[in-house]
Amino acid sequence: MEGLGKLYDAHDGDTINLAEYIRLFAFDFMNEAVFSVPSGSLAAGKDVTGVMDGILGEDTETGVKFTPSQLANESFVLIIAGSDTTTAAYTLAFFYTLQTPGLYQRLREEVEQKFGSEPVTIGGTRHLPLLNGIISEAQRFMSPFPAGTGRECPKGGEMVDGVFVPGGTVVRFPSHVIHRSAENFAPDPLKFRPDRWISPEKEVALQELRYSIACTVLRWDMQLAPGFNCDKWYTDSLLDSFFFSFDDPVPVIIKKRTDGKAGLGRKA
């Protein structure tokens, strides 16, 4: 979070492409998680992780290389699960929060009430109902992986909604459709309503995401840039049933908080 915070401070009052900054932040986080050292992508302003160089090379102890199948699997996990989903989750949380009147301030008040003048901690963010509701609702509303999961039809085949599916066929259930169904998320399945998730028994293990968002709302003011067409960005970003693209900028005006209440963060 320190590197991201420095970039935010350096652009005080500017309009930034939030999605690009978070993408580089995710590369740094992914590299630190995989190799135990940060990559420096944020500082360089581009991806300098070298992750692919690492997995294409030989094992330093055994000299063995990955097979093509193993390379494909490892690349998918590192690139999709390691960075793209983090980028999507953080960006979408702010994308929808900044469109909802009063929600950013509500979130800031919740974080302030929890931490006061104390540093933000990962453990503490676990118990912020609105923060967790925003994260869950953003991923419901625009899933980082909208293709969902697949199931293999058993031998002999099955009837699915009146259609015979032969055995061995993989049937996929798109989360993008399931998450917007009134049968699953009533009322108002097509509205962003983080309060639907607020319940004391709900717990989501998203430590880094909670920590980063909590630190951000404490230290900076944000708003979507005037003229930004949210609907057009959404439709342009939906590449297909599998992925969202973050090639188009998400322009956000970011300003240092000036009321003297900005807190600091630590990961304890």
Protein backbone atom coordinates (compact mmCIF):
# COMPACT_ATOMS: atom_id res chain seq x y z
CA MET A 1 0.00 0.00 0.00
CA GLU A 2 2.97 2.31 0.61
CA GLY A 3 3.93 2.45 -3.07
CA LEU A 4 0.34 3.10 -4.14
CA GLY A 5 0.04 5.81 -1.51
CA LYS A 6 3.12 7.60 -2.83
CA LEU A 7 1.65 7.65 -6.33
CA TYR A 8 -1.65 8.99 -5.03
CA ASP A 9 0.19 11.74 -3.14
CA ALA A 10 2.25 12.63 -6.22
CA HIS A 11 -0.95 13.21 -8.21
CA ASP A 12 -2.81 15.23 -5.60
CA GLY A 13 -5.67 16.99 -7.40
CA ASP A 14 -5.00 15.23 -10.72
CA THR A 15 -7.20 12.89 -12.73
CA ILE A 16 -5.62 9.43 -12.76
CA ASN A 17 -6.42 6.13 -14.46
CA LEU A 18 -7.32 4.15 -11.35
CA ALA A 19 -7.43 0.80 -13.16
CA GLU A 20 -3.84 1.15 -14.43
CA TYR A 21 -2.44 2.06 -11.01
CA ILE A 22 -4.21 -0.85 -9.39
CA ARG A 23 -2.98 -3.20 -12.13
CA LEU A 24 0.63 -2.27 -11.31
CA PHE A 25 -0.12 -2.51 -7.59
CA ALA A 26 -1.47 -6.02 -8.20
CA PHE A 27 1.70 -6.99 -10.11
CA ASP A 28 3.80 -5.86 -7.13
CA PHE A 29 1.60 -7.75 -4.69
CA MET A 30 1.61 -10.88 -6.87
CA ASN A 31 5.40 -10.84 -7.20
CA GLU A 32 5.86 -10.43 -3.46
CA ALA A 33 3.43 -13.29 -2.79
CA VAL A 34 5.14 -15.63 -5.28
CA PHE A 35 8.81 -14.66 -4.88
CA SER A 36 8.80 -12.89 -1.46
CA VAL A 37 10.12 -9.64 -2.94
CA PRO A 38 8.24 -6.67 -4.45
CA SER A 39 8.74 -6.14 -8.18
CA GLY A 40 8.87 -2.35 -8.39
CA SER A 41 6.20 -2.15 -11.10
CA LEU A 42 4.45 0.79 -9.44
CA ALA A 43 7.66 2.77 -9.15
CA ALA A 44 8.60 1.98 -12.77
CA GLY A 45 5.12 2.71 -14.11
CA LYS A 46 5.03 -0.60 -16.00
CA ASP A 47 5.06 -4.34 -15.40
CA VAL A 48 8.61 -5.35 -14.46
CA THR A 49 7.72 -8.51 -12.53
CA GLY A 50 9.58 -10.95 -14.74
CA VAL A 51 7.19 -13.66 -13.58
CA MET A 52 7.14 -15.36 -16.96
CA ASP A 53 10.94 -15.40 -17.09
CA GLY A 54 10.92 -17.18 -13.77
CA ILE A 55 8.53 -19.95 -14.73
CA LEU A 56 10.06 -20.42 -18.19
CA GLY A 57 13.48 -21.06 -16.69
CA GLU A 58 14.86 -24.16 -14.99
CA ASP A 59 14.35 -25.06 -11.36
CA THR A 60 17.50 -23.81 -9.58
CA GLU A 61 17.76 -26.99 -7.51
CA THR A 62 16.71 -29.77 -9.90
CA GLY A 63 17.31 -28.22 -13.34
CA VAL A 64 13.83 -29.40 -14.42
CA LYS A 65 11.61 -27.19 -16.60
CA PHE A 66 7.82 -27.03 -16.69
CA THR A 67 6.02 -29.04 -19.36
CA PRO A 68 3.80 -27.07 -21.82
CA SER A 69 0.71 -28.16 -19.86
CA GLN A 70 2.25 -27.08 -16.56
CA LEU A 71 3.30 -23.75 -18.08
CA ALA A 72 -0.26 -23.11 -19.23
CA ASN A 73 -1.66 -23.86 -15.79
CA GLU A 74 0.93 -21.84 -13.91
CA SER A 75 0.54 -18.86 -16.27
CA PHE A 76 -3.23 -18.90 -15.82
CA VAL A 77 -2.98 -18.93 -12.03
CA LEU A 78 -0.30 -16.22 -11.82
CA ILE A 79 -1.74 -13.86 -14.41
CA ILE A 80 -5.49 -14.32 -13.95
CA ALA A 81 -5.80 -15.28 -10.29
CA GLY A 82 -2.75 -13.31 -9.17
CA SER A 83 -3.25 -9.92 -10.77
CA ASP A 84 -6.29 -9.49 -13.01
CA THR A 85 -8.81 -10.47 -10.34
CA THR A 86 -7.18 -8.16 -7.78
CA THR A 87 -7.21 -5.31 -10.29
CA ALA A 88 -10.85 -5.94 -11.08
CA ALA A 89 -12.00 -6.24 -7.47
CA TYR A 90 -10.30 -3.02 -6.27
CA THR A 91 -11.22 -0.98 -9.35
CA LEU A 92 -14.85 -2.13 -9.37
CA ALA A 93 -15.26 -1.44 -5.65
CA PHE A 94 -14.43 2.22 -6.28
CA PHE A 95 -16.16 2.31 -9.69
CA TYR A 96 -19.52 1.57 -8.05
CA THR A 97 -18.89 3.32 -4.72
CA LEU A 98 -18.13 6.62 -6.47
CA GLN A 99 -21.36 6.35 -8.47
CA THR A 100 -23.48 5.86 -5.34
CA PRO A 101 -24.25 9.20 -3.60
CA GLY A 102 -22.99 9.31 -0.03
CA LEU A 103 -21.45 5.83 -0.04
CA TYR A 104 -17.79 6.96 -0.06
CA GLN A 105 -18.43 9.14 2.99
CA ARG A 106 -20.30 6.32 4.77
CA LEU A 107 -17.33 4.03 4.17
CA ARG A 108 -14.86 6.63 5.44
CA GLU A 109 -16.93 7.15 8.59
CA GLU A 110 -16.99 3.40 9.24
CA VAL A 111 -13.19 3.15 8.89
CA GLU A 112 -12.68 6.22 11.10
CA GLN A 113 -15.00 4.86 13.77
CA LYS A 114 -13.08 1.58 13.84
CA PHE A 115 -9.52 2.92 13.83
CA GLY A 116 -9.75 6.56 14.95
CA SER A 117 -6.20 7.91 14.92
CA GLU A 118 -4.71 4.41 15.02
CA PRO A 119 -3.13 2.80 11.92
CA VAL A 120 -5.34 0.65 9.71
CA THR A 121 -4.64 -3.06 10.21
CA ILE A 122 -5.60 -6.09 8.13
CA GLY A 123 -7.16 -7.80 11.12
CA GLY A 124 -9.26 -4.76 11.93
CA THR A 125 -10.70 -4.41 8.43
CA ARG A 126 -12.17 -7.90 8.72
CA HIS A 127 -14.87 -6.48 10.98
CA LEU A 128 -16.04 -3.53 8.87
CA PRO A 129 -19.52 -4.52 7.60
CA LEU A 130 -19.93 -1.80 4.96
CA LEU A 131 -16.42 -2.31 3.56
CA ASN A 132 -17.00 -6.03 3.19
CA GLY A 133 -20.46 -5.38 1.76
CA ILE A 134 -19.01 -3.10 -0.92
CA ILE A 135 -16.39 -5.68 -1.91
CA SER A 136 -18.95 -8.49 -2.08
CA GLU A 137 -21.52 -6.42 -3.95
CA ALA A 138 -18.95 -5.14 -6.49
CA GLN A 139 -17.90 -8.72 -7.26
CA ARG A 140 -21.52 -9.80 -7.50
CA PHE A 141 -22.47 -6.94 -9.78
CA MET A 142 -19.47 -7.23 -12.11
CA SER A 143 -17.55 -10.38 -11.33
CA PRO A 144 -13.79 -10.30 -12.02
CA PHE A 145 -14.31 -13.74 -13.60
CA PRO A 146 -17.79 -13.62 -15.17
CA ALA A 147 -17.46 -17.00 -16.88
CA GLY A 148 -18.10 -18.75 -13.58
CA THR A 149 -17.28 -22.40 -13.04
CA GLY A 150 -17.90 -25.54 -15.08
CA ARG A 151 -19.12 -29.03 -14.25
CA GLU A 152 -18.56 -32.21 -16.26
CA CYS A 153 -21.71 -34.12 -17.10
CA PRO A 154 -21.56 -37.71 -15.74
CA LYS A 155 -21.56 -40.82 -17.89
CA GLY A 156 -24.86 -41.50 -19.59
CA GLY A 157 -25.66 -37.80 -19.90
CA GLU A 158 -28.29 -35.64 -18.21
CA MET A 159 -31.28 -33.52 -19.14
CA VAL A 160 -30.52 -29.86 -18.41
CA ASP A 161 -33.46 -27.49 -18.78
CA GLY A 162 -35.07 -29.75 -21.34
CA VAL A 163 -31.87 -30.33 -23.34
CA PHE A 164 -29.96 -33.63 -23.32
CA VAL A 165 -26.29 -33.12 -22.48
CA PRO A 166 -24.01 -36.09 -23.36
CA GLY A 167 -21.70 -37.52 -20.71
CA GLY A 168 -18.29 -35.85 -20.50
CA THR A 169 -19.62 -32.48 -21.68
CA VAL A 170 -18.51 -29.51 -19.57
CA VAL A 171 -21.47 -27.30 -18.69
CA ARG A 172 -20.56 -23.80 -17.55
CA PHE A 173 -22.66 -21.56 -15.32
CA PRO A 174 -21.86 -17.87 -15.99
CA SER A 175 -21.62 -16.00 -12.69
CA HIS A 176 -22.46 -12.76 -14.52
CA VAL A 177 -25.96 -14.11 -15.18
CA ILE A 178 -26.42 -15.93 -11.86
CA HIS A 179 -25.38 -12.88 -9.84
CA ARG A 180 -27.99 -10.68 -11.56
CA SER A 181 -30.90 -13.08 -11.25
CA ALA A 182 -33.85 -12.03 -9.09
CA GLU A 183 -34.11 -15.67 -7.98
CA ASN A 184 -30.76 -15.31 -6.22
CA PHE A 185 -30.48 -11.62 -5.30
CA ALA A 186 -33.84 -10.05 -4.61
CA PRO A 187 -34.81 -7.31 -4.25
CA ASP A 188 -33.24 -5.10 -6.90
CA PRO A 189 -30.70 -7.51 -8.43
CA LEU A 190 -29.70 -4.86 -11.01
CA LYS A 191 -28.92 -2.23 -8.37
CA PHE A 192 -25.67 -1.80 -6.46
CA ARG A 193 -26.76 -2.33 -2.86
CA PRO A 194 -23.83 -3.26 -0.54
CA ASP A 195 -26.16 -3.26 2.47
CA ARG A 196 -27.61 -6.57 1.28
CA TRP A 197 -24.40 -8.23 2.50
CA ILE A 198 -24.28 -6.65 5.94
CA SER A 199 -24.73 -9.48 8.40
CA PRO A 200 -22.58 -10.38 11.42
CA GLU A 201 -22.08 -13.99 10.30
CA LYS A 202 -20.65 -13.17 6.86
CA GLU A 203 -16.85 -13.34 6.57
CA VAL A 204 -14.78 -13.01 3.40
CA ALA A 205 -11.03 -13.73 3.42
CA LEU A 206 -9.94 -10.75 1.32
CA GLN A 207 -7.33 -9.24 3.59
CA GLU A 208 -5.21 -7.25 1.14
CA LEU A 209 -8.26 -5.85 -0.63
CA ARG A 210 -9.95 -4.72 2.58
CA TYR A 211 -6.74 -3.19 3.90
CA SER A 212 -5.99 -1.27 0.69
CA ILE A 213 -9.50 0.16 0.32
CA ALA A 214 -9.67 1.17 4.00
CA CYS A 215 -6.32 2.99 3.77
CA THR A 216 -7.39 4.72 0.55
CA VAL A 217 -10.67 6.16 1.84
CA LEU A 218 -8.95 7.43 5.02
CA ARG A 219 -6.17 9.30 3.24
CA TRP A 220 -7.62 10.58 -0.05
CA ASP A 221 -10.75 12.12 -1.51
CA MET A 222 -11.92 10.57 -4.78
CA GLN A 223 -14.51 11.27 -7.43
CA LEU A 224 -15.10 10.08 -10.97
CA ALA A 225 -13.89 12.60 -13.54
CA PRO A 226 -16.62 14.78 -15.11
CA GLY A 227 -17.86 13.42 -18.41
CA PHE A 228 -16.86 9.83 -17.69
CA ASN A 229 -19.47 7.55 -19.27
CA CYS A 230 -19.84 4.67 -16.80
CA ASP A 231 -22.29 2.71 -18.94
CA LYS A 232 -20.06 2.90 -22.03
CA TRP A 233 -17.01 1.83 -20.02
CA TYR A 234 -18.93 -1.16 -18.70
CA THR A 235 -20.10 -2.39 -22.11
CA ASP A 236 -16.70 -1.74 -23.74
CA SER A 237 -14.91 -3.66 -20.97
CA LEU A 238 -17.00 -6.82 -21.33
CA LEU A 239 -14.81 -8.65 -23.85
CA ASP A 240 -16.73 -11.93 -23.80
CA SER A 241 -18.32 -14.28 -21.31
CA PHE A 242 -14.95 -14.98 -19.68
CA PHE A 243 -13.11 -11.74 -18.98
CA PHE A 244 -13.41 -8.01 -18.47
CA SER A 245 -10.80 -5.75 -20.02
CA PHE A 246 -9.36 -2.77 -18.19
CA ASP A 247 -7.71 -1.27 -21.27
CA ASP A 248 -10.06 1.74 -21.19
CA PRO A 249 -9.14 4.23 -18.43
CA VAL A 250 -11.19 4.69 -15.28
CA PRO A 251 -10.54 8.43 -14.75
CA VAL A 252 -10.66 9.35 -11.07
CA ILE A 253 -9.80 12.73 -9.52
CA ILE A 254 -7.75 12.09 -6.39
CA LYS A 255 -6.92 14.65 -3.72
CA LYS A 256 -5.08 14.51 -0.43
CA ARG A 257 -7.41 14.77 2.51
CA THR A 258 -7.02 18.21 4.06
CA ASP A 259 -9.03 18.00 7.30
CA GLY A 260 -6.15 16.52 9.28
CA LYS A 261 -7.81 13.17 9.92
CA ALA A 262 -5.90 11.07 7.39
CA GLY A 263 -4.70 7.88 9.03
CA LEU A 264 -1.78 5.62 8.25
CA GLY A 265 -1.75 1.91 7.60
CA ARG A 266 0.12 -1.11 8.80
CA LYS A 267 -0.49 -4.77 8.00
CA ALA A 268 -0.39 -6.19 11.50
